[in-house]
Amino acid sequence: MPKLSAGLLLYRIVDDGVEVLLGHPGGPFWARKDDGAWSIPKGEYDPAEDPWAAARREFREEIGFDAPDGPRIDLPPVRQAGGKVVTAFAVLGDLDVTESVSNTFELEWPRGSGRFREFPEIDRVAWLSVDAARVKLLKGQLLLLDGLLERLDQR
């Protein structure tokens, strides 16, 4: 059975169109990667858990703010390259994320050194236009943008 992940694609409408909130993964593996590395705030959940509740929990953990209560759009699930299935929900809302603080994880680094370091799950967040998001977002999540735009009739 594939791993399950739930996430929230926060979006806002601006003069130039639609912007989405994305996060760059923290830690040494992602430190030098940018294009094709960003993600929606998301995380794994147990099949018995409600994906909507998991998406809201993960948003809080990774962004440091509660998810807005704006209108929700259920997006079709996507399968990432590693096989993980992402269930995502788009929510209309606007947050000032300049004070965003992510939860952290511990990792042996350098590998095999016996030293453990703490890293943020998300080391930065940004509001990006849809065009910019297409460059930054993981390939496996690009269909989430398409699903959002279809529902907003913005294609």
N, C-alpha and C. Protein backbone atom coordinates (compact mmCIF):
# COMPACT_ATOMS: atom_id res chain seq x y z
N MET A 1 0.85 -1.18 0.00
CA MET A 1 0.00 0.00 0.00
C MET A 1 0.90 1.24 0.00
N PRO A 2 0.59 2.23 -0.86
CA PRO A 2 1.44 3.42 -0.93
C PRO A 2 1.28 4.28 0.33
N LYS A 3 2.30 5.07 0.62
CA LYS A 3 2.19 6.04 1.71
C LYS A 3 1.20 7.11 1.30
N LEU A 4 0.46 7.59 2.30
CA LEU A 4 -0.55 8.61 2.06
C LEU A 4 -0.09 9.93 2.66
N SER A 5 -0.33 11.01 1.94
CA SER A 5 0.04 12.33 2.41
C SER A 5 -1.14 13.26 2.13
N ALA A 6 -1.38 14.20 3.03
CA ALA A 6 -2.46 15.17 2.85
C ALA A 6 -1.86 16.56 2.95
N GLY A 7 -2.35 17.46 2.10
CA GLY A 7 -1.80 18.80 2.10
C GLY A 7 -2.83 19.85 1.73
N LEU A 8 -2.39 21.08 1.92
CA LEU A 8 -3.26 22.21 1.68
C LEU A 8 -2.58 23.17 0.70
N LEU A 9 -3.24 23.45 -0.39
CA LEU A 9 -2.77 24.41 -1.38
C LEU A 9 -3.52 25.72 -1.13
N LEU A 10 -2.89 26.60 -0.36
CA LEU A 10 -3.50 27.89 -0.07
C LEU A 10 -3.32 28.79 -1.29
N TYR A 11 -4.39 29.48 -1.69
CA TYR A 11 -4.29 30.37 -2.83
C TYR A 11 -4.99 31.69 -2.52
N ARG A 12 -4.57 32.71 -3.25
CA ARG A 12 -5.21 34.02 -3.15
C ARG A 12 -5.30 34.62 -4.54
N ILE A 13 -6.26 35.50 -4.68
CA ILE A 13 -6.48 36.19 -5.95
C ILE A 13 -5.87 37.59 -5.82
N VAL A 14 -4.97 37.92 -6.73
CA VAL A 14 -4.32 39.22 -6.75
C VAL A 14 -4.58 39.88 -8.10
N ASP A 15 -4.15 41.11 -8.24
CA ASP A 15 -4.39 41.84 -9.49
C ASP A 15 -3.91 41.09 -10.72
N ASP A 16 -2.78 40.39 -10.60
CA ASP A 16 -2.19 39.69 -11.74
C ASP A 16 -2.71 38.27 -11.92
N GLY A 17 -3.62 37.83 -11.07
CA GLY A 17 -4.17 36.48 -11.20
C GLY A 17 -4.17 35.73 -9.89
N VAL A 18 -3.67 34.50 -9.92
CA VAL A 18 -3.70 33.62 -8.75
C VAL A 18 -2.27 33.42 -8.24
N GLU A 19 -2.13 33.46 -6.92
CA GLU A 19 -0.87 33.11 -6.27
C GLU A 19 -1.12 31.95 -5.33
N VAL A 20 -0.11 31.10 -5.16
CA VAL A 20 -0.20 29.95 -4.27
C VAL A 20 0.94 30.01 -3.26
N LEU A 21 0.69 29.43 -2.10
CA LEU A 21 1.69 29.39 -1.04
C LEU A 21 2.42 28.05 -1.09
N LEU A 22 3.74 28.10 -1.27
CA LEU A 22 4.55 26.90 -1.33
C LEU A 22 5.68 26.98 -0.31
N GLY A 23 6.20 25.81 0.05
CA GLY A 23 7.31 25.74 0.98
C GLY A 23 8.49 25.00 0.38
N HIS A 24 9.68 25.44 0.76
CA HIS A 24 10.91 24.77 0.34
C HIS A 24 11.35 23.83 1.45
N PRO A 25 11.60 22.54 1.15
CA PRO A 25 11.97 21.60 2.21
C PRO A 25 13.32 21.93 2.82
N GLY A 26 13.38 21.77 4.13
CA GLY A 26 14.62 22.03 4.85
C GLY A 26 15.51 20.80 4.88
N GLY A 27 16.69 20.98 5.42
CA GLY A 27 17.62 19.88 5.57
C GLY A 27 18.67 19.86 4.48
N PRO A 28 19.70 19.07 4.68
CA PRO A 28 20.84 19.07 3.77
C PRO A 28 20.56 18.52 2.37
N PHE A 29 19.61 17.63 2.23
CA PHE A 29 19.34 17.05 0.91
C PHE A 29 18.76 18.07 -0.06
N TRP A 30 18.05 19.06 0.46
CA TRP A 30 17.37 20.05 -0.38
C TRP A 30 18.07 21.40 -0.40
N ALA A 31 19.14 21.56 0.35
CA ALA A 31 19.78 22.85 0.54
C ALA A 31 20.17 23.54 -0.77
N ARG A 32 20.62 22.79 -1.74
CA ARG A 32 21.08 23.40 -2.99
C ARG A 32 20.11 23.20 -4.14
N LYS A 33 18.92 22.74 -3.83
CA LYS A 33 17.91 22.53 -4.87
C LYS A 33 16.84 23.61 -4.73
N ASP A 34 16.38 24.10 -5.87
CA ASP A 34 15.35 25.13 -5.84
C ASP A 34 14.26 24.80 -6.86
N ASP A 35 14.54 24.96 -8.13
CA ASP A 35 13.54 24.64 -9.15
C ASP A 35 13.18 23.15 -9.06
N GLY A 36 11.90 22.88 -9.02
CA GLY A 36 11.43 21.50 -8.94
C GLY A 36 11.53 20.87 -7.56
N ALA A 37 11.77 21.69 -6.52
CA ALA A 37 11.96 21.16 -5.17
C ALA A 37 10.87 21.59 -4.19
N TRP A 38 10.14 22.63 -4.48
CA TRP A 38 9.15 23.18 -3.56
C TRP A 38 7.92 22.29 -3.51
N SER A 39 7.13 22.46 -2.45
CA SER A 39 5.97 21.59 -2.23
C SER A 39 4.85 22.39 -1.57
N ILE A 40 3.64 21.83 -1.67
CA ILE A 40 2.57 22.34 -0.83
C ILE A 40 2.86 21.87 0.60
N PRO A 41 2.40 22.58 1.62
CA PRO A 41 2.54 22.05 2.98
C PRO A 41 1.72 20.77 3.12
N LYS A 42 2.39 19.68 3.46
CA LYS A 42 1.72 18.38 3.50
C LYS A 42 2.49 17.44 4.42
N GLY A 43 1.86 16.33 4.72
CA GLY A 43 2.52 15.32 5.53
C GLY A 43 1.74 14.03 5.52
N GLU A 44 2.39 12.98 5.99
CA GLU A 44 1.79 11.66 5.98
C GLU A 44 0.67 11.54 7.01
N TYR A 45 -0.26 10.66 6.69
CA TYR A 45 -1.36 10.38 7.62
C TYR A 45 -1.73 8.91 7.52
N ASP A 46 -2.38 8.43 8.55
CA ASP A 46 -2.84 7.05 8.63
C ASP A 46 -4.15 6.93 7.85
N PRO A 47 -4.37 5.80 7.16
CA PRO A 47 -5.61 5.63 6.39
C PRO A 47 -6.88 5.82 7.22
N ALA A 48 -6.82 5.60 8.53
CA ALA A 48 -8.00 5.78 9.38
C ALA A 48 -8.27 7.26 9.69
N GLU A 49 -7.30 8.12 9.43
CA GLU A 49 -7.44 9.55 9.73
C GLU A 49 -8.13 10.27 8.58
N ASP A 50 -8.90 11.29 8.89
CA ASP A 50 -9.54 12.13 7.90
C ASP A 50 -8.48 12.97 7.18
N PRO A 51 -8.37 12.88 5.84
CA PRO A 51 -7.34 13.63 5.12
C PRO A 51 -7.45 15.14 5.31
N TRP A 52 -8.66 15.67 5.43
CA TRP A 52 -8.86 17.11 5.64
C TRP A 52 -8.25 17.53 6.98
N ALA A 53 -8.50 16.75 8.01
CA ALA A 53 -7.92 17.05 9.33
C ALA A 53 -6.40 16.94 9.28
N ALA A 54 -5.89 15.94 8.56
CA ALA A 54 -4.44 15.78 8.44
C ALA A 54 -3.83 16.95 7.68
N ALA A 55 -4.47 17.39 6.62
CA ALA A 55 -3.96 18.52 5.84
C ALA A 55 -3.88 19.78 6.69
N ARG A 56 -4.89 20.03 7.50
CA ARG A 56 -4.90 21.22 8.37
C ARG A 56 -3.81 21.10 9.45
N ARG A 57 -3.65 19.91 10.01
CA ARG A 57 -2.60 19.69 11.01
C ARG A 57 -1.22 19.94 10.42
N GLU A 58 -0.98 19.37 9.25
CA GLU A 58 0.32 19.52 8.61
C GLU A 58 0.60 20.96 8.22
N PHE A 59 -0.43 21.69 7.79
CA PHE A 59 -0.25 23.11 7.47
C PHE A 59 0.23 23.86 8.71
N ARG A 60 -0.41 23.60 9.84
CA ARG A 60 -0.03 24.25 11.10
C ARG A 60 1.41 23.89 11.48
N GLU A 61 1.77 22.63 11.35
CA GLU A 61 3.11 22.21 11.72
C GLU A 61 4.18 22.80 10.80
N GLU A 62 3.91 22.87 9.52
CA GLU A 62 4.93 23.29 8.57
C GLU A 62 4.98 24.79 8.31
N ILE A 63 3.87 25.47 8.50
CA ILE A 63 3.83 26.92 8.24
C ILE A 63 3.84 27.71 9.55
N GLY A 64 3.31 27.12 10.62
CA GLY A 64 3.30 27.81 11.90
C GLY A 64 2.04 28.63 12.15
N PHE A 65 1.07 28.52 11.26
CA PHE A 65 -0.20 29.22 11.40
C PHE A 65 -1.33 28.24 11.13
N ASP A 66 -2.48 28.50 11.74
CA ASP A 66 -3.65 27.70 11.40
C ASP A 66 -4.06 27.98 9.96
N ALA A 67 -4.58 26.99 9.30
CA ALA A 67 -5.06 27.15 7.94
C ALA A 67 -6.29 28.05 7.94
N PRO A 68 -6.39 28.96 6.99
CA PRO A 68 -7.60 29.79 6.90
C PRO A 68 -8.84 28.93 6.69
N ASP A 69 -9.98 29.48 7.05
CA ASP A 69 -11.25 28.77 6.92
C ASP A 69 -11.97 29.09 5.62
N GLY A 70 -11.25 29.62 4.62
CA GLY A 70 -11.86 30.00 3.35
C GLY A 70 -12.51 28.81 2.66
N PRO A 71 -13.20 29.07 1.56
CA PRO A 71 -13.83 27.99 0.81
C PRO A 71 -12.82 26.91 0.42
N ARG A 72 -13.24 25.66 0.53
CA ARG A 72 -12.36 24.51 0.27
C ARG A 72 -12.71 23.88 -1.07
N ILE A 73 -11.67 23.52 -1.82
CA ILE A 73 -11.80 22.79 -3.07
C ILE A 73 -11.08 21.46 -2.91
N ASP A 74 -11.79 20.36 -3.07
CA ASP A 74 -11.17 19.04 -3.03
C ASP A 74 -10.52 18.77 -4.38
N LEU A 75 -9.21 18.61 -4.40
CA LEU A 75 -8.48 18.37 -5.63
C LEU A 75 -8.30 16.87 -5.85
N PRO A 76 -8.22 16.43 -7.10
CA PRO A 76 -7.98 15.00 -7.34
C PRO A 76 -6.62 14.59 -6.77
N PRO A 77 -6.54 13.42 -6.12
CA PRO A 77 -5.25 12.96 -5.59
C PRO A 77 -4.22 12.80 -6.70
N VAL A 78 -2.95 13.00 -6.34
CA VAL A 78 -1.85 12.82 -7.30
C VAL A 78 -0.86 11.82 -6.71
N ARG A 79 -0.19 11.11 -7.59
CA ARG A 79 0.84 10.15 -7.18
C ARG A 79 2.20 10.75 -7.54
N GLN A 80 3.05 10.90 -6.52
CA GLN A 80 4.39 11.44 -6.74
C GLN A 80 5.31 10.34 -7.26
N ALA A 81 6.49 10.72 -7.73
CA ALA A 81 7.44 9.78 -8.35
C ALA A 81 7.77 8.60 -7.43
N GLY A 82 7.89 8.83 -6.13
CA GLY A 82 8.22 7.76 -5.20
C GLY A 82 7.04 6.87 -4.85
N GLY A 83 5.86 7.16 -5.40
CA GLY A 83 4.68 6.34 -5.16
C GLY A 83 3.73 6.90 -4.12
N LYS A 84 4.16 7.91 -3.36
CA LYS A 84 3.29 8.50 -2.35
C LYS A 84 2.08 9.15 -3.01
N VAL A 85 0.90 8.91 -2.45
CA VAL A 85 -0.34 9.51 -2.95
C VAL A 85 -0.67 10.73 -2.10
N VAL A 86 -0.80 11.87 -2.76
CA VAL A 86 -1.08 13.13 -2.08
C VAL A 86 -2.53 13.52 -2.31
N THR A 87 -3.28 13.63 -1.23
CA THR A 87 -4.64 14.16 -1.26
C THR A 87 -4.53 15.61 -0.83
N ALA A 88 -4.98 16.51 -1.70
CA ALA A 88 -4.81 17.94 -1.42
C ALA A 88 -6.13 18.68 -1.51
N PHE A 89 -6.17 19.76 -0.75
CA PHE A 89 -7.34 20.63 -0.70
C PHE A 89 -6.85 22.06 -0.95
N ALA A 90 -7.49 22.75 -1.86
CA ALA A 90 -7.18 24.15 -2.10
C ALA A 90 -8.11 24.98 -1.22
N VAL A 91 -7.54 26.00 -0.61
CA VAL A 91 -8.32 26.88 0.26
C VAL A 91 -7.97 28.32 -0.08
N LEU A 92 -9.00 29.12 -0.26
CA LEU A 92 -8.83 30.55 -0.50
C LEU A 92 -8.50 31.22 0.82
N GLY A 93 -7.43 32.00 0.83
CA GLY A 93 -7.05 32.70 2.05
C GLY A 93 -5.78 33.48 1.83
N ASP A 94 -5.51 34.35 2.75
CA ASP A 94 -4.31 35.17 2.65
C ASP A 94 -3.64 35.22 4.01
N LEU A 95 -2.36 34.94 4.03
CA LEU A 95 -1.59 34.98 5.27
C LEU A 95 -0.32 35.79 5.04
N ASP A 96 0.09 36.53 6.04
CA ASP A 96 1.40 37.16 6.03
C ASP A 96 2.34 36.11 6.61
N VAL A 97 3.18 35.53 5.78
CA VAL A 97 4.03 34.42 6.21
C VAL A 97 5.46 34.85 6.53
N THR A 98 5.67 36.15 6.71
CA THR A 98 7.03 36.62 7.01
C THR A 98 7.52 36.07 8.35
N GLU A 99 6.61 35.73 9.26
CA GLU A 99 6.99 35.19 10.57
C GLU A 99 6.76 33.68 10.65
N SER A 100 6.69 33.02 9.51
CA SER A 100 6.43 31.59 9.47
C SER A 100 7.56 30.82 10.15
N VAL A 101 7.18 29.83 10.95
CA VAL A 101 8.15 28.97 11.63
C VAL A 101 7.67 27.53 11.50
N SER A 102 8.53 26.68 10.95
CA SER A 102 8.19 25.28 10.73
C SER A 102 8.62 24.43 11.91
N ASN A 103 7.96 23.28 12.05
CA ASN A 103 8.45 22.28 13.00
C ASN A 103 9.79 21.74 12.48
N THR A 104 10.45 20.92 13.27
CA THR A 104 11.77 20.45 12.89
C THR A 104 11.84 18.93 12.91
N PHE A 105 12.90 18.40 12.34
CA PHE A 105 13.18 16.97 12.40
C PHE A 105 14.66 16.81 12.70
N GLU A 106 15.00 15.64 13.23
CA GLU A 106 16.38 15.34 13.58
C GLU A 106 16.95 14.35 12.58
N LEU A 107 18.21 14.58 12.19
CA LEU A 107 18.85 13.75 11.19
C LEU A 107 20.34 13.61 11.52
N GLU A 108 20.84 12.41 11.33
CA GLU A 108 22.28 12.23 11.49
C GLU A 108 22.96 12.92 10.31
N TRP A 109 23.79 13.93 10.63
CA TRP A 109 24.47 14.68 9.57
C TRP A 109 25.80 15.18 10.05
N PRO A 110 26.84 14.95 9.28
CA PRO A 110 26.87 14.15 8.07
C PRO A 110 26.55 12.68 8.35
N ARG A 111 26.01 12.03 7.34
CA ARG A 111 25.62 10.63 7.46
C ARG A 111 26.81 9.80 7.93
N GLY A 112 26.56 8.94 8.92
CA GLY A 112 27.59 8.08 9.46
C GLY A 112 28.49 8.72 10.50
N SER A 113 28.23 10.00 10.81
CA SER A 113 29.09 10.73 11.76
C SER A 113 28.74 10.46 13.21
N GLY A 114 27.51 9.98 13.45
CA GLY A 114 27.06 9.80 14.82
C GLY A 114 26.54 11.08 15.45
N ARG A 115 26.60 12.18 14.73
CA ARG A 115 26.08 13.48 15.23
C ARG A 115 24.71 13.74 14.62
N PHE A 116 23.80 14.13 15.48
CA PHE A 116 22.44 14.42 15.02
C PHE A 116 22.21 15.92 15.08
N ARG A 117 21.61 16.42 14.02
CA ARG A 117 21.30 17.85 13.94
C ARG A 117 19.80 18.02 13.70
N GLU A 118 19.32 19.16 14.08
CA GLU A 118 17.91 19.49 13.90
C GLU A 118 17.77 20.43 12.70
N PHE A 119 16.78 20.14 11.85
CA PHE A 119 16.52 20.94 10.66
C PHE A 119 15.04 21.28 10.59
N PRO A 120 14.67 22.44 10.02
CA PRO A 120 13.25 22.73 9.82
C PRO A 120 12.70 21.88 8.68
N GLU A 121 11.45 21.43 8.82
CA GLU A 121 10.83 20.69 7.72
C GLU A 121 10.70 21.58 6.49
N ILE A 122 10.35 22.84 6.72
CA ILE A 122 10.24 23.83 5.65
C ILE A 122 11.17 24.98 6.03
N ASP A 123 12.14 25.30 5.18
CA ASP A 123 13.08 26.35 5.56
C ASP A 123 12.70 27.73 5.04
N ARG A 124 11.73 27.78 4.11
CA ARG A 124 11.20 29.07 3.66
C ARG A 124 9.88 28.84 2.95
N VAL A 125 9.04 29.84 3.00
CA VAL A 125 7.75 29.80 2.32
C VAL A 125 7.60 31.06 1.48
N ALA A 126 6.82 30.95 0.44
CA ALA A 126 6.63 32.12 -0.42
C ALA A 126 5.31 32.01 -1.17
N TRP A 127 4.73 33.18 -1.40
CA TRP A 127 3.60 33.29 -2.31
C TRP A 127 4.19 33.41 -3.71
N LEU A 128 3.73 32.56 -4.62
CA LEU A 128 4.25 32.55 -5.99
C LEU A 128 3.11 32.61 -6.98
N SER A 129 3.35 33.31 -8.09
CA SER A 129 2.38 33.27 -9.17
C SER A 129 2.30 31.83 -9.68
N VAL A 130 1.25 31.52 -10.38
CA VAL A 130 1.10 30.17 -10.91
C VAL A 130 2.25 29.84 -11.86
N ASP A 131 2.67 30.79 -12.68
CA ASP A 131 3.79 30.54 -13.60
C ASP A 131 5.07 30.24 -12.83
N ALA A 132 5.36 31.00 -11.79
CA ALA A 132 6.56 30.76 -10.97
C ALA A 132 6.43 29.43 -10.23
N ALA A 133 5.22 29.12 -9.75
CA ALA A 133 5.00 27.87 -9.03
C ALA A 133 5.25 26.66 -9.94
N ARG A 134 4.92 26.77 -11.21
CA ARG A 134 5.16 25.66 -12.15
C ARG A 134 6.65 25.33 -12.26
N VAL A 135 7.50 26.32 -12.07
CA VAL A 135 8.95 26.11 -12.12
C VAL A 135 9.46 25.53 -10.80
N LYS A 136 8.94 26.02 -9.70
CA LYS A 136 9.45 25.65 -8.37
C LYS A 136 8.89 24.33 -7.84
N LEU A 137 7.67 24.00 -8.19
CA LEU A 137 6.95 22.87 -7.59
C LEU A 137 7.50 21.52 -8.05
N LEU A 138 7.47 20.54 -7.14
CA LEU A 138 7.80 19.16 -7.50
C LEU A 138 6.92 18.72 -8.68
N LYS A 139 7.51 18.00 -9.62
CA LYS A 139 6.75 17.58 -10.80
C LYS A 139 5.49 16.82 -10.44
N GLY A 140 5.57 15.98 -9.42
CA GLY A 140 4.44 15.18 -9.02
C GLY A 140 3.26 15.97 -8.46
N GLN A 141 3.48 17.24 -8.17
CA GLN A 141 2.41 18.08 -7.62
C GLN A 141 1.88 19.10 -8.63
N LEU A 142 2.42 19.13 -9.83
CA LEU A 142 1.97 20.10 -10.83
C LEU A 142 0.49 19.93 -11.17
N LEU A 143 -0.01 18.70 -11.14
CA LEU A 143 -1.42 18.47 -11.44
C LEU A 143 -2.34 19.16 -10.41
N LEU A 144 -1.81 19.41 -9.21
CA LEU A 144 -2.61 20.14 -8.22
C LEU A 144 -2.89 21.56 -8.69
N LEU A 145 -1.89 22.20 -9.29
CA LEU A 145 -2.10 23.54 -9.85
C LEU A 145 -3.15 23.51 -10.95
N ASP A 146 -3.04 22.52 -11.84
CA ASP A 146 -4.01 22.39 -12.92
C ASP A 146 -5.41 22.19 -12.37
N GLY A 147 -5.54 21.35 -11.35
CA GLY A 147 -6.85 21.11 -10.74
C GLY A 147 -7.42 22.37 -10.13
N LEU A 148 -6.58 23.16 -9.47
CA LEU A 148 -7.05 24.42 -8.89
C LEU A 148 -7.52 25.37 -9.99
N LEU A 149 -6.70 25.54 -11.01
CA LEU A 149 -7.07 26.47 -12.08
C LEU A 149 -8.33 26.05 -12.82
N GLU A 150 -8.49 24.75 -13.02
CA GLU A 150 -9.73 24.26 -13.64
C GLU A 150 -10.94 24.64 -12.81
N ARG A 151 -10.82 24.44 -11.51
CA ARG A 151 -11.96 24.75 -10.63
C ARG A 151 -12.22 26.25 -10.56
N LEU A 152 -11.17 27.05 -10.72
CA LEU A 152 -11.33 28.52 -10.70
C LEU A 152 -11.63 29.07 -12.08
N ASP A 153 -11.58 28.18 -13.09
CA ASP A 153 -11.78 28.58 -14.49
C ASP A 153 -10.76 29.63 -14.90
N GLN A 154 -9.48 29.38 -14.53
CA GLN A 154 -8.40 30.33 -14.81
C GLN A 154 -7.40 29.81 -15.84
N ARG A 155 -7.68 28.73 -16.49
CA ARG A 155 -6.72 28.13 -17.43
C ARG A 155 -6.57 28.91 -18.68
